[in-house]
Amino acid sequence: MTDVPKRPVRPRNAASLVITRGKGLDTEVLMGQRAKRHRFMPHMYVFPGGGLDREDRTADVLADLPDRPKARLMRQVQREDVARGLAVAAARETWEETGLVFGEVRNDRFTPDLSGLDYLARAITPPPSPIRFHARFFIADAEHAQGGGSAPISGSGELLDLAFRPLLECLTMPIADVTEFVLEEVLRRVRGTSIEAVPIFSYQNNAPIIRYQHLDDE
């Protein structure tokens, strides 16, 4: 049985990249299954991603985030190095876990190109959890990766059963509530029903809530 901390664990900054392929309701999403050895969400299907490393905040990039997603992140984190670092972390973790390169690799050194990433959503794990993340989810079309939508996937073993799957099928797989929330936001974008706001998934009194950060004053 997992011990519940006496005081809430401070969430660690993290980032994930939702990689899509195709258009409309034919859109596919890249997902993989976390192994049973993982302490955090074992057996669940997730997007590639992980924690923000110190080096991500000062990493060189081939191209920065577009102004709009960068401004949205800046409203939340107030620091440009953290905003860029979160996008770097999403691209870096994607390369490490899937082999897909959003940028370039020379001499085993990855340099990200953030120009194809958009900011999709954010989520915070519940206070009772012994492992907590403050995650930002980015989205990018596979065409922005080296090799485009047909680039081979070569997972590191961190995620099992890596594959592009139809978006609607992904919603029926073993996924956590936060992953379902993100997939539903992707579905809204695909259907053209998303609103001009950043959706935020969190918990209040241990119950999930969704709120929106509107951006009318940008």
C-alpha atoms as a PDB file:
ATOM      1  CA  MET A   1       0.000   0.000   0.000  1.00  0.00           C
ATOM      2  CA  THR A   2       1.352   3.435  -0.979  1.00  0.00           C
ATOM      3  CA  ASP A   3       2.032   5.766   1.931  1.00  0.00           C
ATOM      4  CA  VAL A   4       0.157   9.057   1.798  1.00  0.00           C
ATOM      5  CA  PRO A   5       2.395  11.985   2.765  1.00  0.00           C
ATOM      6  CA  LYS A   6       1.402  13.977   5.862  1.00  0.00           C
ATOM      7  CA  ARG A   7       1.939  17.182   3.920  1.00  0.00           C
ATOM      8  CA  PRO A   8       1.272  17.558   0.189  1.00  0.00           C
ATOM      9  CA  VAL A   9       4.356  16.940  -1.923  1.00  0.00           C
ATOM     10  CA  ARG A  10       5.366  19.972  -3.955  1.00  0.00           C
ATOM     11  CA  PRO A  11       4.625  19.233  -7.626  1.00  0.00           C
ATOM     12  CA  ARG A  12       7.638  18.959  -9.896  1.00  0.00           C
ATOM     13  CA  ASN A  13       7.578  20.854 -13.196  1.00  0.00           C
ATOM     14  CA  ALA A  14       7.106  18.462 -16.107  1.00  0.00           C
ATOM     15  CA  ALA A  15       6.217  18.531 -19.784  1.00  0.00           C
ATOM     16  CA  SER A  16       4.693  16.181 -22.337  1.00  0.00           C
ATOM     17  CA  LEU A  17       4.338  16.329 -26.097  1.00  0.00           C
ATOM     18  CA  VAL A  18       1.141  15.194 -27.794  1.00  0.00           C
ATOM     19  CA  ILE A  19       2.188  14.183 -31.309  1.00  0.00           C
ATOM     20  CA  THR A  20      -0.579  13.966 -33.889  1.00  0.00           C
ATOM     21  CA  ARG A  21      -0.722  12.633 -37.415  1.00  0.00           C
ATOM     22  CA  GLY A  22      -3.495  13.127 -39.951  1.00  0.00           C
ATOM     23  CA  LYS A  23      -6.450  15.479 -40.056  1.00  0.00           C
ATOM     24  CA  GLY A  24      -9.978  15.730 -38.668  1.00  0.00           C
ATOM     25  CA  LEU A  25     -11.488  12.669 -37.039  1.00  0.00           C
ATOM     26  CA  ASP A  26      -8.819  10.594 -38.801  1.00  0.00           C
ATOM     27  CA  THR A  27      -6.218  12.175 -36.506  1.00  0.00           C
ATOM     28  CA  GLU A  28      -3.891   9.702 -34.807  1.00  0.00           C
ATOM     29  CA  VAL A  29      -1.981  10.245 -31.562  1.00  0.00           C
ATOM     30  CA  LEU A  30       1.317   8.700 -30.472  1.00  0.00           C
ATOM     31  CA  MET A  31       0.995   6.925 -27.117  1.00  0.00           C
ATOM     32  CA  GLY A  32       2.887   4.268 -25.212  1.00  0.00           C
ATOM     33  CA  GLN A  33       2.321   2.178 -22.099  1.00  0.00           C
ATOM     34  CA  ARG A  34       4.252   2.740 -18.896  1.00  0.00           C
ATOM     35  CA  ALA A  35       5.833  -0.472 -17.590  1.00  0.00           C
ATOM     36  CA  LYS A  36       4.603  -2.049 -14.372  1.00  0.00           C
ATOM     37  CA  ARG A  37       7.923  -1.185 -12.655  1.00  0.00           C
ATOM     38  CA  HIS A  38       7.111   2.514 -12.766  1.00  0.00           C
ATOM     39  CA  ARG A  39       5.947   4.094  -9.513  1.00  0.00           C
ATOM     40  CA  PHE A  40       3.931   6.736 -11.355  1.00  0.00           C
ATOM     41  CA  MET A  41       0.954   5.488 -13.403  1.00  0.00           C
ATOM     42  CA  PRO A  42       2.172   1.918 -14.100  1.00  0.00           C
ATOM     43  CA  HIS A  43       0.378   0.120 -16.960  1.00  0.00           C
ATOM     44  CA  MET A  44      -1.247   3.345 -18.168  1.00  0.00           C
ATOM     45  CA  TYR A  45      -0.960   4.683 -21.714  1.00  0.00           C
ATOM     46  CA  VAL A  46       0.616   8.140 -21.812  1.00  0.00           C
ATOM     47  CA  PHE A  47       2.262  10.686 -24.087  1.00  0.00           C
ATOM     48  CA  PRO A  48       6.066  10.974 -24.137  1.00  0.00           C
ATOM     49  CA  GLY A  49       7.268  13.364 -21.472  1.00  0.00           C
ATOM     50  CA  GLY A  50       9.001  13.804 -18.153  1.00  0.00           C
ATOM     51  CA  GLY A  51      10.402  16.217 -15.604  1.00  0.00           C
ATOM     52  CA  LEU A  52      12.000  19.581 -16.299  1.00  0.00           C
ATOM     53  CA  ASP A  53      15.775  19.282 -15.884  1.00  0.00           C
ATOM     54  CA  ARG A  54      17.988  22.195 -14.865  1.00  0.00           C
ATOM     55  CA  GLU A  55      19.826  21.933 -18.201  1.00  0.00           C
ATOM     56  CA  ASP A  56      16.571  22.365 -20.158  1.00  0.00           C
ATOM     57  CA  ARG A  57      16.325  25.965 -18.973  1.00  0.00           C
ATOM     58  CA  THR A  58      19.636  26.964 -20.562  1.00  0.00           C
ATOM     59  CA  ALA A  59      19.687  24.595 -23.542  1.00  0.00           C
ATOM     60  CA  ASP A  60      20.477  25.882 -27.019  1.00  0.00           C
ATOM     61  CA  VAL A  61      17.583  25.718 -29.477  1.00  0.00           C
ATOM     62  CA  LEU A  62      17.449  25.867 -33.261  1.00  0.00           C
ATOM     63  CA  ALA A  63      14.261  27.928 -33.072  1.00  0.00           C
ATOM     64  CA  ASP A  64      12.229  29.254 -30.170  1.00  0.00           C
ATOM     65  CA  LEU A  65       8.571  28.714 -29.363  1.00  0.00           C
ATOM     66  CA  PRO A  66       6.175  30.818 -31.438  1.00  0.00           C
ATOM     67  CA  ASP A  67       5.141  34.042 -29.722  1.00  0.00           C
ATOM     68  CA  ARG A  68       1.598  32.978 -28.823  1.00  0.00           C
ATOM     69  CA  PRO A  69       2.321  29.737 -26.915  1.00  0.00           C
ATOM     70  CA  LYS A  70       5.349  31.374 -25.333  1.00  0.00           C
ATOM     71  CA  ALA A  71       3.209  34.276 -24.084  1.00  0.00           C
ATOM     72  CA  ARG A  72       0.656  31.855 -22.672  1.00  0.00           C
ATOM     73  CA  LEU A  73       3.342  30.000 -20.748  1.00  0.00           C
ATOM     74  CA  MET A  74       4.901  33.235 -19.545  1.00  0.00           C
ATOM     75  CA  ARG A  75       1.605  34.261 -17.980  1.00  0.00           C
ATOM     76  CA  GLN A  76       1.811  31.153 -15.814  1.00  0.00           C
ATOM     77  CA  VAL A  77       5.517  30.793 -15.022  1.00  0.00           C
ATOM     78  CA  GLN A  78       6.692  34.445 -15.280  1.00  0.00           C
ATOM     79  CA  ARG A  79      10.164  33.333 -16.360  1.00  0.00           C
ATOM     80  CA  GLU A  80      11.289  33.016 -19.948  1.00  0.00           C
ATOM     81  CA  ASP A  81      13.920  30.373 -19.159  1.00  0.00           C
ATOM     82  CA  VAL A  82      11.298  28.173 -17.491  1.00  0.00           C
ATOM     83  CA  ALA A  83       8.781  28.679 -20.301  1.00  0.00           C
ATOM     84  CA  ARG A  84      11.335  27.719 -22.952  1.00  0.00           C
ATOM     85  CA  GLY A  85      12.738  24.965 -20.725  1.00  0.00           C
ATOM     86  CA  LEU A  86       9.361  23.254 -20.463  1.00  0.00           C
ATOM     87  CA  ALA A  87       9.109  23.108 -24.257  1.00  0.00           C
ATOM     88  CA  VAL A  88      12.706  21.849 -24.445  1.00  0.00           C
ATOM     89  CA  ALA A  89      11.882  19.137 -21.889  1.00  0.00           C
ATOM     90  CA  ALA A  90       8.880  17.988 -23.955  1.00  0.00           C
ATOM     91  CA  ALA A  91      10.986  17.729 -27.120  1.00  0.00           C
ATOM     92  CA  ARG A  92      13.960  16.141 -25.334  1.00  0.00           C
ATOM     93  CA  GLU A  93      11.875  13.507 -23.566  1.00  0.00           C
ATOM     94  CA  THR A  94      10.161  12.730 -26.869  1.00  0.00           C
ATOM     95  CA  TRP A  95      13.526  12.100 -28.511  1.00  0.00           C
ATOM     96  CA  GLU A  96      14.714   9.949 -25.606  1.00  0.00           C
ATOM     97  CA  GLU A  97      11.535   7.887 -25.356  1.00  0.00           C
ATOM     98  CA  THR A  98      10.451   7.579 -29.005  1.00  0.00           C
ATOM     99  CA  GLY A  99      13.422   8.459 -31.208  1.00  0.00           C
ATOM    100  CA  LEU A 100      11.408  11.189 -32.928  1.00  0.00           C
ATOM    101  CA  VAL A 101      13.551  14.275 -33.441  1.00  0.00           C
ATOM    102  CA  PHE A 102      11.937  17.695 -33.244  1.00  0.00           C
ATOM    103  CA  GLY A 103      15.212  19.432 -34.019  1.00  0.00           C
ATOM    104  CA  GLU A 104      18.504  17.758 -34.877  1.00  0.00           C
ATOM    105  CA  VAL A 105      20.957  15.264 -33.382  1.00  0.00           C
ATOM    106  CA  ARG A 106      24.692  15.605 -33.952  1.00  0.00           C
ATOM    107  CA  ASN A 107      27.251  13.448 -32.162  1.00  0.00           C
ATOM    108  CA  ASP A 108      24.465  12.147 -29.919  1.00  0.00           C
ATOM    109  CA  ARG A 109      23.645  15.702 -28.857  1.00  0.00           C
ATOM    110  CA  PHE A 110      20.025  16.759 -29.272  1.00  0.00           C
ATOM    111  CA  THR A 111      19.202  20.376 -30.129  1.00  0.00           C
ATOM    112  CA  PRO A 112      15.450  21.069 -30.230  1.00  0.00           C
ATOM    113  CA  ASP A 113      13.481  23.072 -32.743  1.00  0.00           C
ATOM    114  CA  LEU A 114      10.478  24.443 -30.844  1.00  0.00           C
ATOM    115  CA  SER A 115       8.873  26.289 -33.748  1.00  0.00           C
ATOM    116  CA  GLY A 116       6.336  23.525 -34.436  1.00  0.00           C
ATOM    117  CA  LEU A 117       5.078  23.228 -30.840  1.00  0.00           C
ATOM    118  CA  ASP A 118       1.897  24.767 -29.478  1.00  0.00           C
ATOM    119  CA  TYR A 119       0.802  24.972 -25.841  1.00  0.00           C
ATOM    120  CA  LEU A 120      -2.230  22.757 -25.258  1.00  0.00           C
ATOM    121  CA  ALA A 121      -3.064  22.371 -21.561  1.00  0.00           C
ATOM    122  CA  ARG A 122      -1.744  22.035 -18.052  1.00  0.00           C
ATOM    123  CA  ALA A 123      -2.492  19.711 -15.147  1.00  0.00           C
ATOM    124  CA  ILE A 124      -1.524  19.222 -11.506  1.00  0.00           C
ATOM    125  CA  THR A 125      -1.573  15.847  -9.749  1.00  0.00           C
ATOM    126  CA  PRO A 126      -3.725  15.585  -6.591  1.00  0.00           C
ATOM    127  CA  PRO A 127      -2.273  16.644  -3.191  1.00  0.00           C
ATOM    128  CA  PRO A 128      -2.533  13.170  -1.559  1.00  0.00           C
ATOM    129  CA  SER A 129      -0.273  11.617  -4.203  1.00  0.00           C
ATOM    130  CA  PRO A 130       3.292  10.802  -3.042  1.00  0.00           C
ATOM    131  CA  ILE A 131       4.525  11.681  -6.558  1.00  0.00           C
ATOM    132  CA  ARG A 132       3.249  14.953  -7.956  1.00  0.00           C
ATOM    133  CA  PHE A 133       3.782  16.828 -11.220  1.00  0.00           C
ATOM    134  CA  HIS A 134       2.785  20.231 -12.516  1.00  0.00           C
ATOM    135  CA  ALA A 135       2.646  19.198 -16.150  1.00  0.00           C
ATOM    136  CA  ARG A 136       2.379  21.328 -19.256  1.00  0.00           C
ATOM    137  CA  PHE A 137       1.187  19.616 -22.399  1.00  0.00           C
ATOM    138  CA  PHE A 138       2.390  20.723 -25.808  1.00  0.00           C
ATOM    139  CA  ILE A 139       1.077  19.547 -29.153  1.00  0.00           C
ATOM    140  CA  ALA A 140       2.859  19.141 -32.484  1.00  0.00           C
ATOM    141  CA  ASP A 141       2.151  17.544 -35.839  1.00  0.00           C
ATOM    142  CA  ALA A 142       4.469  14.643 -36.660  1.00  0.00           C
ATOM    143  CA  GLU A 143       5.344  16.471 -39.889  1.00  0.00           C
ATOM    144  CA  HIS A 144       7.545  18.791 -37.812  1.00  0.00           C
ATOM    145  CA  ALA A 145       9.774  15.866 -36.767  1.00  0.00           C
ATOM    146  CA  GLN A 146      12.718  14.712 -38.874  1.00  0.00           C
ATOM    147  CA  GLY A 147      11.293  12.313 -41.422  1.00  0.00           C
ATOM    148  CA  GLY A 148       7.781  13.680 -40.953  1.00  0.00           C
ATOM    149  CA  GLY A 149       4.786  11.450 -40.281  1.00  0.00           C
ATOM    150  CA  SER A 150       6.585   8.367 -41.611  1.00  0.00           C
ATOM    151  CA  ALA A 151       9.630   8.707 -39.328  1.00  0.00           C
ATOM    152  CA  PRO A 152      10.438   5.407 -37.586  1.00  0.00           C
ATOM    153  CA  ILE A 153       9.699   5.109 -33.868  1.00  0.00           C
ATOM    154  CA  SER A 154      12.547   3.633 -31.834  1.00  0.00           C
ATOM    155  CA  GLY A 155      11.572   3.611 -28.206  1.00  0.00           C
ATOM    156  CA  SER A 156      14.137   3.462 -25.402  1.00  0.00           C
ATOM    157  CA  GLY A 157      12.051   0.975 -23.428  1.00  0.00           C
ATOM    158  CA  GLU A 158      10.656   3.688 -21.177  1.00  0.00           C
ATOM    159  CA  LEU A 159       7.324   3.332 -22.983  1.00  0.00           C
ATOM    160  CA  LEU A 160       6.019   0.022 -24.297  1.00  0.00           C
ATOM    161  CA  ASP A 161       3.695  -0.615 -27.244  1.00  0.00           C
ATOM    162  CA  LEU A 162       4.520   2.754 -28.808  1.00  0.00           C
ATOM    163  CA  ALA A 163       2.301   3.492 -31.796  1.00  0.00           C
ATOM    164  CA  PHE A 164       0.125   6.064 -33.500  1.00  0.00           C
ATOM    165  CA  ARG A 165      -3.511   5.212 -32.810  1.00  0.00           C
ATOM    166  CA  PRO A 166      -6.798   6.824 -33.853  1.00  0.00           C
ATOM    167  CA  LEU A 167      -7.724   9.607 -31.458  1.00  0.00           C
ATOM    168  CA  LEU A 168     -11.108   8.094 -30.596  1.00  0.00           C
ATOM    169  CA  GLU A 169      -9.468   4.714 -29.930  1.00  0.00           C
ATOM    170  CA  CYS A 170      -7.001   6.351 -27.525  1.00  0.00           C
ATOM    171  CA  LEU A 171      -9.936   7.491 -25.388  1.00  0.00           C
ATOM    172  CA  THR A 172     -10.946   3.834 -24.847  1.00  0.00           C
ATOM    173  CA  MET A 173      -7.523   2.624 -23.718  1.00  0.00           C
ATOM    174  CA  PRO A 174      -6.230   2.306 -20.124  1.00  0.00           C
ATOM    175  CA  ILE A 175      -5.546   5.986 -19.415  1.00  0.00           C
ATOM    176  CA  ALA A 176      -5.542   8.254 -16.374  1.00  0.00           C
ATOM    177  CA  ASP A 177      -8.149  10.975 -15.957  1.00  0.00           C
ATOM    178  CA  VAL A 178      -5.610  13.668 -16.828  1.00  0.00           C
ATOM    179  CA  THR A 179      -4.718  11.887 -20.078  1.00  0.00           C
ATOM    180  CA  GLU A 180      -8.404  11.659 -20.945  1.00  0.00           C
ATOM    181  CA  PHE A 181      -8.707  15.395 -20.262  1.00  0.00           C
ATOM    182  CA  VAL A 182      -5.850  16.167 -22.674  1.00  0.00           C
ATOM    183  CA  LEU A 183      -7.189  13.846 -25.384  1.00  0.00           C
ATOM    184  CA  GLU A 184     -10.604  15.484 -25.120  1.00  0.00           C
ATOM    185  CA  GLU A 185      -8.961  18.879 -25.639  1.00  0.00           C
ATOM    186  CA  VAL A 186      -7.262  17.490 -28.758  1.00  0.00           C
ATOM    187  CA  LEU A 187     -10.664  16.235 -29.914  1.00  0.00           C
ATOM    188  CA  ARG A 188     -12.145  19.703 -29.419  1.00  0.00           C
ATOM    189  CA  ARG A 189      -9.378  21.182 -31.544  1.00  0.00           C
ATOM    190  CA  VAL A 190      -9.982  18.571 -34.238  1.00  0.00           C
ATOM    191  CA  ARG A 191     -13.716  19.354 -34.242  1.00  0.00           C
ATOM    192  CA  GLY A 192     -13.134  23.094 -34.143  1.00  0.00           C
ATOM    193  CA  THR A 193     -14.972  23.518 -30.828  1.00  0.00           C
ATOM    194  CA  SER A 194     -12.047  24.520 -28.584  1.00  0.00           C
ATOM    195  CA  ILE A 195     -12.136  27.943 -26.966  1.00  0.00           C
ATOM    196  CA  GLU A 196      -9.466  30.646 -26.768  1.00  0.00           C
ATOM    197  CA  ALA A 197      -8.199  29.606 -23.364  1.00  0.00           C
ATOM    198  CA  VAL A 198      -5.733  27.226 -21.725  1.00  0.00           C
ATOM    199  CA  PRO A 199      -7.578  24.388 -19.939  1.00  0.00           C
ATOM    200  CA  ILE A 200      -6.242  23.500 -16.491  1.00  0.00           C
ATOM    201  CA  PHE A 201      -6.904  20.157 -14.793  1.00  0.00           C
ATOM    202  CA  SER A 202      -6.464  20.018 -11.032  1.00  0.00           C
ATOM    203  CA  TYR A 203      -8.135  18.775  -7.869  1.00  0.00           C
ATOM    204  CA  GLN A 204     -10.230  20.391  -5.164  1.00  0.00           C
ATOM    205  CA  ASN A 205     -11.118  18.340  -2.081  1.00  0.00           C
ATOM    206  CA  ASN A 206      -9.672  15.348  -3.964  1.00  0.00           C
ATOM    207  CA  ALA A 207     -12.204  15.786  -6.767  1.00  0.00           C
ATOM    208  CA  PRO A 208     -11.022  16.666 -10.296  1.00  0.00           C
ATOM    209  CA  ILE A 209     -11.930  20.103 -11.601  1.00  0.00           C
ATOM    210  CA  ILE A 210     -11.325  21.806 -14.945  1.00  0.00           C
ATOM    211  CA  ARG A 211     -10.981  25.547 -15.298  1.00  0.00           C
ATOM    212  CA  TYR A 212      -9.812  27.813 -18.103  1.00  0.00           C
ATOM    213  CA  GLN A 213      -7.293  30.614 -18.242  1.00  0.00           C
ATOM    214  CA  HIS A 214      -8.734  33.064 -20.750  1.00  0.00           C
ATOM    215  CA  LEU A 215      -6.404  35.114 -22.875  1.00  0.00           C
ATOM    216  CA  ASP A 216      -8.574  37.973 -24.114  1.00  0.00           C
ATOM    217  CA  ASP A 217      -6.062  40.587 -22.996  1.00  0.00           C
ATOM    218  CA  GLU A 218      -3.126  39.188 -24.941  1.00  0.00           C
END
